[in-house]
Protein backbone atom coordinates (compact mmCIF):
# COMPACT_ATOMS: atom_id res chain seq x y z
CA MET A 1 -3.36 -4.25 -12.09
CA GLU A 2 -1.00 -2.67 -9.54
CA THR A 3 1.39 0.20 -10.24
CA ASN A 4 3.69 2.50 -8.32
CA GLY A 5 1.20 5.33 -8.08
CA LEU A 6 -1.66 7.18 -9.77
CA ASP A 7 0.74 8.58 -12.37
CA PRO A 8 2.93 5.52 -12.64
CA ASP A 9 6.13 4.72 -14.45
CA VAL A 10 6.05 1.05 -13.37
CA ILE A 11 3.40 -1.66 -13.77
CA HIS A 12 4.16 -4.23 -11.09
CA CYS A 13 1.59 -6.84 -11.96
CA LEU A 14 -1.51 -7.60 -14.02
CA ILE A 15 -3.98 -10.25 -12.84
CA THR A 16 -6.56 -11.85 -15.14
CA LYS A 17 -9.45 -14.17 -14.44
CA ASP A 18 -11.61 -16.00 -17.01
CA ILE A 19 -15.05 -15.79 -15.41
CA ASP A 20 -16.42 -18.45 -17.83
CA LYS A 21 -14.15 -20.99 -16.24
CA ALA A 22 -13.54 -22.26 -12.69
CA ASP A 23 -13.53 -19.68 -9.85
CA ASP A 24 -9.80 -20.17 -9.22
CA ASN A 25 -8.91 -19.56 -12.87
CA ILE A 26 -6.38 -16.80 -12.04
CA THR A 27 -3.33 -15.89 -14.11
CA THR A 28 -0.66 -13.67 -12.60
CA TYR A 29 1.65 -11.56 -14.75
CA THR A 30 4.42 -9.58 -13.09
CA SER A 31 7.51 -8.44 -15.09
CA ASN A 32 5.99 -10.28 -18.04
CA TRP A 33 2.67 -8.22 -17.86
CA ARG A 34 2.85 -7.48 -21.59
CA ASP A 35 2.11 -11.13 -22.21
CA ALA A 36 -1.40 -10.47 -20.90
CA LEU A 37 -2.21 -7.90 -23.63
CA PRO A 38 -2.95 -10.37 -26.45
CA VAL A 39 -5.16 -12.32 -24.03
CA LEU A 40 -7.12 -9.15 -23.28
CA LEU A 41 -7.46 -8.11 -26.90
CA GLU A 42 -8.77 -11.55 -27.89
CA ALA A 43 -11.30 -11.62 -25.03
CA ASP A 44 -15.00 -11.19 -25.84
CA GLU A 45 -15.21 -8.79 -22.91
CA ILE A 46 -12.66 -7.01 -20.68
CA ILE A 47 -14.20 -6.44 -17.22
CA GLY A 48 -12.58 -4.22 -14.61
CA HIS A 49 -13.29 -1.49 -12.09
CA ASN A 50 -12.35 2.00 -13.31
CA ILE A 51 -10.47 0.54 -16.24
CA ILE A 52 -11.64 3.24 -18.67
CA ASP A 53 -10.01 5.99 -16.65
CA PHE A 54 -7.05 4.13 -15.13
CA ASP A 55 -5.96 0.62 -16.25
CA ILE A 56 -6.37 1.03 -19.99
CA PRO A 57 -4.74 4.54 -20.12
CA VAL A 58 -1.85 3.29 -17.95
CA ILE A 59 -1.23 0.34 -20.25
CA GLN A 60 -1.39 2.66 -23.26
CA LYS A 61 1.25 4.85 -21.62
CA PHE A 62 3.68 1.97 -22.05
CA GLU A 63 2.06 0.28 -25.08
CA PRO A 64 0.30 2.95 -27.22
CA ASP A 65 -0.94 0.30 -29.70
CA PHE A 66 -3.07 -1.42 -26.98
CA LYS A 67 -6.50 -0.44 -28.22
CA PRO A 68 -9.31 -2.74 -27.13
CA LYS A 69 -12.63 -2.25 -28.87
CA SER A 70 -14.92 0.03 -26.85
CA ALA A 71 -17.78 -2.44 -27.10
CA SER A 72 -15.65 -5.14 -25.43
CA VAL A 73 -14.86 -3.03 -22.31
CA LEU A 74 -17.20 -3.37 -19.36
CA ASP A 75 -16.31 -1.01 -16.49
CA THR A 76 -18.00 -2.06 -13.28
CA LEU A 77 -17.56 1.50 -11.87
CA VAL A 78 -19.69 2.97 -14.70
CA TRP A 79 -22.14 0.07 -14.39
CA ALA A 80 -22.47 0.45 -10.62
CA ARG A 81 -23.26 4.10 -10.90
CA LEU A 82 -26.04 3.21 -13.34
CA VAL A 83 -27.54 0.50 -11.13
CA ALA A 84 -27.09 2.30 -7.79
CA PRO A 85 -26.92 6.08 -8.20
CA ASP A 86 -28.61 6.42 -4.82
CA ILE A 87 -26.08 4.22 -3.01
CA SER A 88 -25.55 6.75 -0.27
CA ARG A 89 -29.22 6.42 0.81
CA ARG A 90 -28.82 2.65 0.84
CA ASP A 91 -25.64 2.90 2.91
CA PHE A 92 -27.27 5.02 5.63
CA ASP A 93 -28.05 2.07 7.94
CA LYS A 94 -25.04 -0.15 7.09
CA LYS A 95 -23.11 -0.35 10.37
CA ASP A 96 -20.27 -2.42 8.88
CA LEU A 97 -19.42 0.25 6.31
CA PRO A 98 -17.04 2.97 7.55
CA PRO A 99 -18.62 6.47 7.24
CA ARG A 100 -15.93 7.59 4.80
CA LEU A 101 -17.14 4.91 2.37
CA ASN A 102 -20.79 5.91 2.59
CA GLY A 103 -21.95 6.54 -0.96
CA SER A 104 -18.64 5.40 -2.42
CA HIS A 105 -18.42 3.26 -5.54
CA SER A 106 -14.86 2.26 -4.78
CA LEU A 107 -13.95 -1.42 -5.02
CA LYS A 108 -13.30 -1.52 -1.31
CA ALA A 109 -16.81 -0.16 -0.54
CA TRP A 110 -18.39 -2.69 -2.85
CA GLY A 111 -16.29 -5.49 -1.37
CA LEU A 112 -17.69 -4.65 2.07
CA ARG A 113 -21.28 -4.42 0.75
CA LEU A 114 -20.99 -7.78 -0.95
CA ASP A 115 -19.11 -9.39 2.00
CA LYS A 116 -16.07 -9.81 -0.25
CA LEU A 117 -13.76 -7.65 1.85
CA LYS A 118 -11.04 -6.01 -0.19
CA GLY A 119 -7.64 -6.27 1.54
CA ASP A 120 -6.23 -3.24 3.33
CA PHE A 121 -2.86 -3.14 1.62
CA GLU A 122 -1.33 0.29 2.22
CA GLY A 123 2.04 -0.17 0.51
CA PRO A 124 4.84 0.07 -0.17
CA TRP A 125 3.93 0.72 -3.79
CA ASP A 126 7.41 1.19 -5.19
CA ILE A 127 8.28 -2.52 -5.22
CA LEU A 128 6.40 -5.70 -5.97
CA THR A 129 5.66 -7.76 -2.82
CA GLU A 130 3.71 -10.91 -2.02
CA GLU A 131 1.20 -8.81 -0.11
CA MET A 132 0.70 -6.62 -3.16
CA LEU A 133 -0.02 -9.68 -5.30
CA GLU A 134 -2.50 -11.00 -2.82
CA TYR A 135 -4.20 -7.59 -2.78
CA ALA A 136 -4.37 -7.60 -6.58
CA VAL A 137 -5.88 -11.10 -6.70
CA GLN A 138 -8.48 -10.04 -4.11
CA ASP A 139 -9.31 -7.04 -6.33
CA VAL A 140 -10.12 -9.41 -9.19
CA HIS A 141 -12.35 -11.62 -7.01
CA VAL A 142 -14.22 -8.52 -5.75
CA THR A 143 -14.65 -7.25 -9.29
CA HIS A 144 -16.07 -10.63 -10.35
CA ALA A 145 -18.53 -10.58 -7.43
CA LEU A 146 -19.57 -7.02 -8.27
CA HIS A 147 -20.04 -8.01 -11.94
CA ASP A 148 -22.38 -10.84 -10.95
CA TYR A 149 -24.32 -8.60 -8.56
CA LEU A 150 -24.80 -5.90 -11.22
CA ALA A 151 -25.80 -8.45 -13.84
CA SER A 152 -28.47 -9.79 -11.48
CA LYS A 153 -30.19 -6.36 -11.50
CA LYS A 154 -31.02 -6.94 -15.24
CA PHE A 155 -30.45 -3.40 -16.51
CA SER A 156 -30.88 -3.21 -20.30
CA LYS A 157 -27.84 -3.58 -22.55
CA LYS A 158 -28.92 -0.31 -24.15
CA SER A 159 -28.61 1.59 -20.88
CA ILE A 160 -25.25 0.04 -20.04
CA ALA A 161 -23.89 0.91 -23.51
CA LEU A 162 -25.18 4.47 -23.27
CA GLU A 163 -23.46 5.10 -19.92
CA HIS A 164 -20.18 3.67 -21.12
CA ALA A 165 -20.20 5.73 -24.27
CA VAL A 166 -21.03 9.00 -22.42
CA HIS A 167 -18.43 8.20 -19.72
CA ARG A 168 -15.74 8.00 -22.40
CA ILE A 169 -16.84 11.29 -23.90
CA CYS A 170 -16.72 12.99 -20.50
CA SER A 171 -13.37 11.44 -19.66
CA ALA A 172 -12.03 13.00 -22.88
CA GLN A 173 -13.60 16.31 -21.88
CA GLU A 174 -11.94 16.16 -18.42
CA HIS A 175 -8.60 15.29 -19.94
CA HIS A 176 -8.73 18.27 -22.38
CA GLY A 177 -10.10 20.78 -19.88
CA PHE A 178 -11.65 24.26 -20.21
CA LEU A 179 -9.23 27.17 -20.67
CA PHE A 180 -9.51 29.56 -17.66
CA ASP A 181 -8.33 33.21 -17.52
CA LYS A 182 -6.48 33.18 -14.20
CA ASP A 183 -5.31 36.79 -14.35
CA LYS A 184 -8.81 38.06 -14.97
CA ALA A 185 -10.07 35.73 -12.25
CA TRP A 186 -7.71 37.09 -9.63
CA ASN A 187 -8.69 40.66 -10.59
CA LEU A 188 -12.35 39.77 -10.17
CA ALA A 189 -11.63 38.08 -6.84
CA THR A 190 -9.84 41.20 -5.56
CA SER A 191 -12.70 43.40 -6.66
CA LEU A 192 -15.31 41.16 -4.98
CA GLU A 193 -13.26 40.98 -1.79
CA GLU A 194 -13.17 44.80 -1.65
CA GLN A 195 -16.94 44.84 -2.07
CA ARG A 196 -17.38 42.27 0.66
CA GLU A 197 -15.24 44.27 3.05
CA LYS A 198 -17.16 47.43 2.26
CA LEU A 199 -20.50 45.72 2.81
CA GLU A 200 -19.31 44.16 6.07
CA LYS A 201 -18.36 47.63 7.44
CA GLU A 202 -21.71 49.08 6.37
CA LEU A 203 -23.59 46.23 8.03
CA GLN A 204 -21.62 46.62 11.23
CA GLU A 205 -22.67 50.28 11.33
CA ILE A 206 -26.29 49.30 10.69
CA PHE A 207 -26.08 46.64 13.44
CA PRO A 208 -23.72 48.20 16.03
CA PRO A 209 -22.05 46.10 18.74
CA TYR A 210 -24.25 44.98 21.59
CA GLU A 211 -23.71 43.58 25.01
CA VAL A 212 -24.60 40.09 26.16
CA ARG A 213 -24.88 39.65 29.95
CA THR A 214 -24.53 36.12 31.35
CA PRO A 215 -25.05 35.39 35.06
CA PHE A 216 -22.40 33.21 36.65
CA MET A 217 -21.03 32.26 40.09
CA PRO A 218 -17.27 32.82 40.42
CA LYS A 219 -15.34 29.86 41.84
CA ALA A 220 -12.52 32.16 42.96
CA THR A 221 -12.08 35.86 43.80
CA ASN A 222 -10.60 37.96 41.02
CA SER A 223 -9.90 41.54 42.01
CA LYS A 224 -8.96 42.52 38.45
CA TYR A 225 -12.51 41.86 37.28
CA GLY A 226 -14.27 42.54 40.57
CA TYR A 227 -15.37 38.92 41.08
CA VAL A 228 -15.91 37.63 44.61
CA LYS A 229 -16.02 33.90 45.21
CA GLY A 230 -19.55 32.70 45.91
CA GLU A 231 -21.29 36.00 44.95
CA MET A 232 -23.50 35.93 41.83
CA THR A 233 -22.34 38.36 39.13
CA GLU A 234 -22.53 38.86 35.37
CA LYS A 235 -20.19 38.36 32.50
CA VAL A 236 -20.52 41.12 29.95
CA THR A 237 -19.47 40.29 26.39
CA THR A 238 -19.49 42.81 23.53
CA VAL A 239 -20.67 41.16 20.31
CA THR A 240 -19.59 42.63 16.99
CA PHE A 241 -22.06 41.81 14.21
CA ASN A 242 -20.83 39.14 11.85
CA PRO A 243 -22.75 39.11 8.55
CA GLN A 244 -21.58 35.55 7.86
CA SER A 245 -23.42 34.35 10.98
CA ARG A 246 -27.00 33.22 10.42
CA HIS A 247 -27.47 33.37 14.16
CA HIS A 248 -26.40 37.04 14.31
CA ILE A 249 -28.69 37.95 11.42
CA ALA A 250 -31.69 36.24 12.90
CA ASN A 251 -30.97 37.79 16.31
CA ARG A 252 -30.78 41.30 14.93
CA LEU A 253 -33.83 41.04 12.75
CA LYS A 254 -35.89 39.60 15.55
CA HIS A 255 -34.62 42.30 17.92
CA LYS A 256 -35.24 45.23 15.53
CA TYR A 257 -38.40 44.07 13.64
CA ARG A 258 -39.78 41.20 15.73
CA TRP A 259 -39.20 39.04 12.66
CA LYS A 260 -40.83 35.67 12.73
CA PRO A 261 -39.06 33.21 10.37
CA LYS A 262 -41.39 31.04 8.29
CA GLU A 263 -38.76 28.42 7.44
CA HIS A 264 -36.27 26.58 9.72
CA THR A 265 -33.27 24.32 9.25
CA PRO A 266 -33.45 20.65 10.29
CA ASN A 267 -32.00 21.56 13.68
CA GLY A 268 -34.69 24.17 14.31
CA GLN A 269 -32.68 27.32 13.52
CA PRO A 270 -34.21 30.08 11.30
CA LYS A 271 -33.39 29.46 7.66
CA ILE A 272 -31.62 32.41 6.15
CA ASP A 273 -30.44 32.64 2.56
CA GLU A 274 -30.39 35.09 -0.38
CA THR A 275 -33.96 34.26 -1.45
CA ILE A 276 -35.38 34.72 2.04
CA LEU A 277 -33.53 38.01 2.60
CA GLN A 278 -34.67 39.37 -0.80
CA SER A 279 -38.29 38.64 0.22
CA LEU A 280 -38.10 40.72 3.43
CA ASN A 281 -39.25 44.35 3.30
CA TYR A 282 -36.51 45.55 5.64
CA PRO A 283 -33.86 47.93 4.19
CA GLU A 284 -31.14 45.95 5.96
CA ALA A 285 -32.24 42.70 4.33
CA LYS A 286 -31.29 43.88 0.84
CA LYS A 287 -27.78 44.77 1.96
CA LEU A 288 -27.46 41.40 3.73
CA ALA A 289 -28.60 39.68 0.50
CA ASP A 290 -25.95 41.61 -1.41
CA TYR A 291 -23.33 40.47 1.09
CA PHE A 292 -24.44 36.81 0.74
CA LEU A 293 -24.30 37.08 -3.04
CA VAL A 294 -20.81 38.58 -3.13
CA ALA A 295 -19.56 35.98 -0.54
CA LYS A 296 -21.00 33.19 -2.68
CA ARG A 297 -19.25 34.46 -5.80
CA ILE A 298 -15.91 34.68 -3.89
CA ALA A 299 -16.35 31.17 -2.53
CA ALA A 300 -16.92 29.77 -6.07
CA LEU A 301 -14.07 31.79 -7.49
CA SER A 302 -11.23 31.60 -5.03
CA GLU A 303 -11.99 30.12 -1.60
CA GLY A 304 -11.76 26.41 -0.75
CA ARG A 305 -10.78 23.24 -2.62
CA GLN A 306 -13.78 23.44 -4.98
CA ALA A 307 -13.10 27.03 -6.04
CA TRP A 308 -12.30 27.50 -9.75
CA LEU A 309 -8.90 29.03 -9.04
CA SER A 310 -8.04 26.05 -6.81
CA ASN A 311 -8.71 23.69 -9.75
CA VAL A 312 -6.71 25.40 -12.50
CA LYS A 313 -3.88 23.15 -13.55
CA GLY A 314 -0.52 23.99 -15.04
CA ASP A 315 -1.96 24.19 -18.55
CA ASN A 316 -4.29 27.00 -17.34
CA ARG A 317 -7.27 24.76 -17.78
CA ILE A 318 -9.94 23.47 -15.40
CA HIS A 319 -10.36 19.72 -15.70
CA GLY A 320 -13.74 19.30 -14.03
CA ARG A 321 -15.01 15.78 -13.36
CA VAL A 322 -18.41 14.59 -14.54
CA LEU A 323 -20.19 11.74 -12.78
CA VAL A 324 -22.23 10.69 -15.78
CA ASN A 325 -24.99 9.01 -13.70
CA GLY A 326 -24.71 10.94 -10.49
CA ALA A 327 -28.43 11.37 -9.89
CA VAL A 328 -31.33 8.87 -9.76
CA THR A 329 -32.92 10.51 -12.79
CA GLY A 330 -29.86 9.70 -14.94
CA ARG A 331 -28.63 13.30 -14.86
CA ALA A 332 -24.93 13.89 -14.44
CA THR A 333 -23.35 15.57 -11.45
CA HIS A 334 -20.16 17.58 -11.40
CA ARG A 335 -17.18 18.11 -9.11
CA ASN A 336 -13.64 19.47 -8.86
CA PRO A 337 -15.26 22.00 -9.45
CA ASN A 338 -18.99 21.91 -10.01
CA MET A 339 -19.26 23.21 -13.56
CA ALA A 340 -23.06 23.04 -13.35
CA GLN A 341 -23.07 25.95 -10.90
CA ILE A 342 -21.41 28.66 -12.95
CA PRO A 343 -23.82 31.61 -12.55
CA SER A 344 -25.76 32.65 -15.62
CA CYS A 345 -25.31 36.01 -17.29
CA ARG A 346 -28.77 37.02 -16.00
CA VAL A 347 -27.64 37.29 -12.40
CA PRO A 348 -25.15 39.73 -10.72
CA PHE A 349 -21.53 39.00 -11.60
CA GLY A 350 -22.65 36.07 -13.80
CA LYS A 351 -21.31 37.65 -16.97
CA GLU A 352 -17.95 38.37 -15.29
CA CYS A 353 -17.74 34.76 -14.08
CA ARG A 354 -18.59 33.22 -17.42
CA GLU A 355 -16.06 35.47 -19.25
CA LEU A 356 -13.33 33.58 -17.34
CA PHE A 357 -14.03 30.33 -19.27
CA THR A 358 -12.51 30.95 -22.69
CA VAL A 359 -10.54 29.55 -25.60
CA PRO A 360 -6.98 29.99 -26.97
CA GLU A 361 -6.11 32.36 -29.83
CA GLY A 362 -7.23 30.94 -33.13
CA LYS A 363 -10.16 29.11 -31.53
CA VAL A 364 -13.84 29.90 -30.91
CA LEU A 365 -16.25 28.59 -28.33
CA VAL A 366 -19.46 27.11 -29.72
CA GLY A 367 -22.34 26.67 -27.26
CA SER A 368 -25.41 24.70 -28.16
CA ASP A 369 -28.44 23.96 -26.01
CA VAL A 370 -31.68 22.04 -26.57
CA SER A 371 -34.76 24.08 -27.11
CA GLY A 372 -37.60 23.63 -24.53
CA LEU A 373 -36.53 20.14 -23.67
CA GLU A 374 -38.72 19.47 -20.61
CA LEU A 375 -41.96 20.56 -22.29
CA ARG A 376 -41.16 18.64 -25.51
CA VAL A 377 -40.57 15.58 -23.35
CA LEU A 378 -43.88 16.22 -21.57
CA ALA A 379 -45.63 16.52 -24.96
CA HIS A 380 -44.05 13.18 -25.97
CA PHE A 381 -45.59 11.45 -22.95
CA MET A 382 -48.93 13.18 -23.48
CA HIS A 383 -49.01 12.32 -27.19
CA PRO A 384 -50.80 8.89 -26.90
CA ILE A 385 -53.51 10.62 -24.89
CA ASP A 386 -54.02 13.97 -26.71
CA LYS A 387 -52.92 12.75 -30.21
CA GLY A 388 -50.16 15.41 -30.33
CA ALA A 389 -52.21 18.46 -29.39
CA TYR A 390 -49.80 19.75 -26.81
CA ALA A 391 -46.85 19.09 -29.14
CA LYS A 392 -48.63 21.14 -31.77
CA ALA A 393 -49.03 24.04 -29.34
CA ILE A 394 -45.27 23.93 -28.68
CA LEU A 395 -44.27 23.78 -32.33
CA GLU A 396 -46.75 26.19 -33.84
CA GLY A 397 -47.06 28.92 -31.18
CA ASP A 398 -45.72 30.22 -27.89
CA ILE A 399 -46.26 27.46 -25.33
CA HIS A 400 -45.98 29.72 -22.34
CA THR A 401 -48.70 32.03 -23.63
CA PHE A 402 -50.78 28.91 -24.37
CA ASN A 403 -50.29 27.74 -20.74
CA GLN A 404 -51.03 31.23 -19.46
CA GLN A 405 -54.41 31.18 -21.15
CA LYS A 406 -55.27 27.63 -20.03
CA ALA A 407 -54.42 28.37 -16.36
CA GLY A 408 -55.97 31.82 -16.38
CA LEU A 409 -52.75 33.57 -15.28
CA GLU A 410 -52.01 37.25 -15.59
CA THR A 411 -48.56 37.08 -17.20
CA ARG A 412 -46.45 34.84 -19.41
CA ASP A 413 -43.71 34.78 -16.77
CA GLN A 414 -46.18 33.40 -14.24
CA ALA A 415 -47.18 30.71 -16.75
CA LYS A 416 -43.54 29.73 -17.31
CA THR A 417 -42.92 29.36 -13.58
CA PHE A 418 -46.23 27.57 -13.08
CA ILE A 419 -45.77 24.82 -15.69
CA TYR A 420 -42.28 23.88 -14.57
CA ALA A 421 -43.37 23.94 -10.88
CA LEU A 422 -46.31 21.73 -11.77
CA ILE A 423 -44.37 19.07 -13.71
CA PHE A 424 -41.64 19.09 -11.08
CA SER A 425 -44.25 18.09 -8.47
CA ALA A 426 -44.88 21.38 -6.66
CA GLY A 427 -47.82 21.29 -4.26
CA ALA A 428 -50.82 23.61 -4.13
CA GLU A 429 -49.09 26.01 -1.70
CA LYS A 430 -46.10 26.50 -3.97
CA LEU A 431 -48.36 26.98 -7.00
CA GLY A 432 -50.39 29.54 -5.12
CA GLN A 433 -47.24 31.47 -4.16
CA ILE A 434 -46.46 31.98 -7.87
CA VAL A 435 -49.37 34.39 -8.08
CA GLY A 436 -49.03 35.72 -4.55
CA GLY A 437 -51.88 33.57 -3.34
CA THR A 438 -52.54 30.77 -0.87
CA ARG A 439 -52.77 27.00 -0.97
CA ALA A 440 -56.43 27.36 -2.00
CA THR A 441 -55.34 29.62 -4.90
CA GLY A 442 -52.83 27.00 -6.08
CA ALA A 443 -55.38 24.20 -5.87
CA LYS A 444 -57.79 26.26 -7.94
CA LEU A 445 -55.16 27.04 -10.56
CA LYS A 446 -54.20 23.35 -10.79
CA LYS A 447 -57.82 22.21 -11.07
CA ARG A 448 -58.54 24.69 -13.92
CA PHE A 449 -55.36 23.78 -15.76
CA PHE A 450 -56.10 20.03 -15.60
CA LYS A 451 -59.64 20.71 -16.79
CA GLU A 452 -58.25 22.59 -19.77
CA LEU A 453 -55.59 19.90 -20.35
CA PRO A 454 -57.10 16.55 -19.33
CA ALA A 455 -54.25 14.72 -21.13
CA LEU A 456 -51.79 16.18 -18.66
CA ASP A 457 -53.95 15.18 -15.72
CA SER A 458 -54.26 11.64 -17.13
CA PHE A 459 -50.50 11.37 -17.70
CA ILE A 460 -49.62 12.43 -14.18
CA THR A 461 -52.25 10.14 -12.66
CA LYS A 462 -51.01 7.13 -14.65
CA VAL A 463 -47.37 7.74 -13.81
CA LYS A 464 -48.12 8.07 -10.08
CA GLN A 465 -50.17 4.89 -10.16
CA LYS A 466 -47.43 2.95 -11.95
CA ALA A 467 -44.89 4.23 -9.46
CA GLU A 468 -47.10 3.20 -6.58
CA ASP A 469 -47.66 -0.30 -8.03
CA GLN A 470 -44.10 -1.10 -9.14
CA GLY A 471 -41.80 1.01 -6.99
CA TYR A 472 -39.87 1.85 -10.11
CA LEU A 473 -40.34 3.43 -13.58
CA THR A 474 -38.68 2.45 -16.85
CA GLY A 475 -36.45 4.97 -18.61
CA LEU A 476 -36.21 5.52 -22.34
CA ASP A 477 -33.29 3.11 -22.63
CA GLY A 478 -34.89 0.46 -20.49
CA ARG A 479 -33.09 1.33 -17.23
CA LEU A 480 -34.96 0.98 -13.99
CA LEU A 481 -35.63 4.27 -12.16
CA LYS A 482 -36.03 3.89 -8.42
CA VAL A 483 -39.04 5.78 -7.16
CA ARG A 484 -38.54 7.61 -3.88
CA SER A 485 -42.12 8.91 -3.80
CA PRO A 486 -45.03 8.39 -6.20
CA HIS A 487 -45.84 12.06 -5.77
CA SER A 488 -42.61 13.07 -7.45
CA SER A 489 -42.63 10.32 -10.09
CA PRO A 490 -43.79 12.58 -12.96
CA ASN A 491 -40.69 14.69 -12.28
CA LEU A 492 -38.56 11.57 -12.22
CA ILE A 493 -39.75 10.27 -15.61
CA ILE A 494 -39.56 13.71 -17.31
CA GLN A 495 -36.12 14.59 -15.97
CA SER A 496 -34.82 11.12 -16.77
CA ALA A 497 -36.05 11.33 -20.35
CA GLY A 498 -34.42 14.73 -20.77
CA ALA A 499 -31.15 13.46 -19.31
CA LEU A 500 -31.04 10.35 -21.53
CA ILE A 501 -31.87 12.37 -24.68
CA CYS A 502 -28.95 14.72 -23.88
CA LYS A 503 -26.66 11.76 -23.32
CA ARG A 504 -27.61 10.36 -26.68
CA TRP A 505 -27.11 13.85 -28.14
CA LEU A 506 -23.46 13.80 -26.94
CA ILE A 507 -22.95 10.45 -28.72
CA GLU A 508 -24.52 11.71 -31.96
CA ILE A 509 -22.42 14.92 -31.82
CA ASN A 510 -19.22 12.89 -31.39
CA LYS A 511 -20.19 10.55 -34.19
CA GLU A 512 -20.79 13.53 -36.51
CA VAL A 513 -17.49 15.16 -35.41
CA HIS A 514 -15.71 11.95 -36.45
CA ILE A 515 -17.56 11.67 -39.75
CA GLN A 516 -16.83 15.34 -40.64
CA GLY A 517 -13.16 14.85 -39.85
CA LEU A 518 -13.22 17.41 -37.00
CA ARG A 519 -11.83 15.23 -34.25
CA ASP A 520 -8.58 17.27 -33.98
CA ARG A 521 -10.29 20.62 -34.65
CA CYS A 522 -13.16 20.51 -32.19
CA ARG A 523 -13.06 19.41 -28.54
CA GLN A 524 -15.84 19.21 -25.95
CA VAL A 525 -15.02 21.41 -22.92
CA ALA A 526 -18.30 21.40 -20.98
CA TRP A 527 -21.57 19.50 -20.75
CA VAL A 528 -24.21 20.80 -18.35
CA HIS A 529 -27.69 19.19 -18.54
CA ASP A 530 -29.03 20.29 -21.93
CA GLU A 531 -26.07 22.43 -22.99
CA VAL A 532 -22.69 21.66 -24.55
CA GLN A 533 -19.67 23.90 -25.03
CA TRP A 534 -17.06 22.99 -27.68
CA GLU A 535 -13.66 24.61 -28.43
CA CYS A 536 -13.27 24.70 -32.20
CA ASP A 537 -10.94 26.10 -34.82
CA GLU A 538 -12.29 29.44 -35.99
CA ASP A 539 -13.19 28.11 -39.45
CA ALA A 540 -14.99 25.10 -37.96
CA GLY A 541 -17.36 26.91 -35.60
CA GLU A 542 -20.35 27.19 -37.92
CA LEU A 543 -19.87 23.66 -39.18
CA PHE A 544 -19.89 22.34 -35.64
CA GLY A 545 -22.91 24.43 -34.62
CA GLU A 546 -24.95 23.01 -37.51
CA LEU A 547 -24.01 19.41 -36.70
CA ALA A 548 -24.95 19.94 -33.07
CA VAL A 549 -28.47 20.95 -34.20
CA ARG A 550 -28.70 17.97 -36.49
CA SER A 551 -27.51 15.67 -33.73
CA ILE A 552 -30.37 16.49 -31.31
CA LYS A 553 -32.83 15.51 -33.98
CA LYS A 554 -31.06 12.21 -34.36
CA ALA A 555 -31.13 11.68 -30.61
CA GLY A 556 -34.88 12.19 -30.64
CA ASP A 557 -35.26 9.74 -33.46
CA TYR A 558 -33.12 7.18 -31.63
CA PHE A 559 -35.52 7.15 -28.71
CA GLY A 560 -38.68 7.54 -30.77
CA ILE A 561 -39.57 10.91 -29.22
CA ARG A 562 -42.92 11.96 -30.70
CA THR A 563 -42.27 15.67 -30.41
CA PRO A 564 -39.54 16.89 -32.82
CA LEU A 565 -36.49 18.11 -30.91
CA ASP A 566 -34.46 21.18 -31.80
CA ALA A 567 -31.41 23.06 -30.62
CA GLU A 568 -29.70 26.36 -31.18
CA TYR A 569 -26.08 27.47 -31.05
CA ARG A 570 -23.99 30.59 -30.54
CA ILE A 571 -20.36 31.30 -31.30
CA GLY A 572 -18.12 33.50 -29.19
CA ARG A 573 -14.74 33.79 -27.41
CA ASN A 574 -15.92 32.90 -23.90
CA TRP A 575 -18.86 31.25 -22.06
CA SER A 576 -20.69 34.53 -21.49
CA GLU A 577 -21.08 34.92 -25.27
CA THR A 578 -22.31 31.39 -25.95
CA HIS A 579 -24.96 30.84 -23.29
């Protein structure tokens, strides 16, 4: 389909192809494009690229009664993201793919990958031309080729249906948006900018200007600067400390404390971030860390195209985009802006940031998140080996205290950090650092823990071996999970299971909302990993919270999760009160 823009008021043409018939079975509709609609509605399957978010809504703009059944719509964009979430890695060595298309799931990018080049029609878009029709026909042929390629990868119908259903949910979320308090945001930005300016002045007093002398040979005499042609001299430059410059920070810390960085960037420069600065026992490092933190909050809030204030639309809402299968694990990724990176209330300025995401008068925000998801998933995978012993420890006691005792750790907090580091494939050195020890300390902790929990050791060993033998693992819904490294494969299977459970949770929530007649009274405004936020009528908040908890149990049952799943919910006026 071709139109006169992304927000069109004209449909120029609609091209169809029956892929069960001859390859040249193309039908072109121009001014009579409405004649194609009965054909589409009667089709067993409607296949197109980005048709959920563009083609179908555009047709409905002109013909609101055009409502194809969801099960009959197969969007090759959604499907491609399922089959090839790591496409940017695959594109790295493709010399015939322009750099700007690296990692792209656009039809043009796929046309190049499949050697079915999509035409480079650049307009005009305001009138129908022969070139536009040729371009539209080429689109259909590329989509057909992409369909056949994706079908050859033999991903399960269950996984394809899951991705399509969740994509529709997240498209509705994006369309509705999350109400954002702009006035409060600008006040916060002003306050943070004042703090940044104050910290910059203090740091420039701590690190006063210094001179850099550079030898050079003048090519001409310059009496103003005292240069004589052919006589070696020095250029003296006064450098004012810039707290945004990693180079300046490293230079001053090395100069003052003979600091020796332990970590470096890929190009060999000292790595400097908040975490590293917080770990240094220099008084200046704490102030530098404070500066970095304030600068990061300002960047998220008001600086750049991905800043929250840059993405508030005319309805005072942020319509963030969710790439439902943006990661190889099946986790979603977020952009415009990244709603998964809103700081939590536990960190500086986190509460102030979350307070900006709110609801209109007469509404409440209901936040629900899954309880202990990763460890319940781990217990599910351990169940055939330990007959549910680890699941019992989760359900009947405090699992972090249990792990603390098994690992012989001093504190519950250490145990919490330890178990997540272990299942997310941390090595002995990282494990040792948790208790302030060495690689040997970490290896000893790991050995003891596996001795106490042989089922965990067995699970990890089996997963790594399967990853080594196959090069892939199978997700809960039958999807194929590409293994980058057998070492990290336990992390892959656990994170994937958690992601797929949460996707099914969204579906179950939406089904319940429909059954309860809440479709017009409750709207999803955010989904981040194992958490959802819904904007509800005030008298529907409790009802929604209860159905969200019921829905996670249904999601667990759907996948046959052996450890019962649970969730909790909170009701408030903004995001700081609900998570």
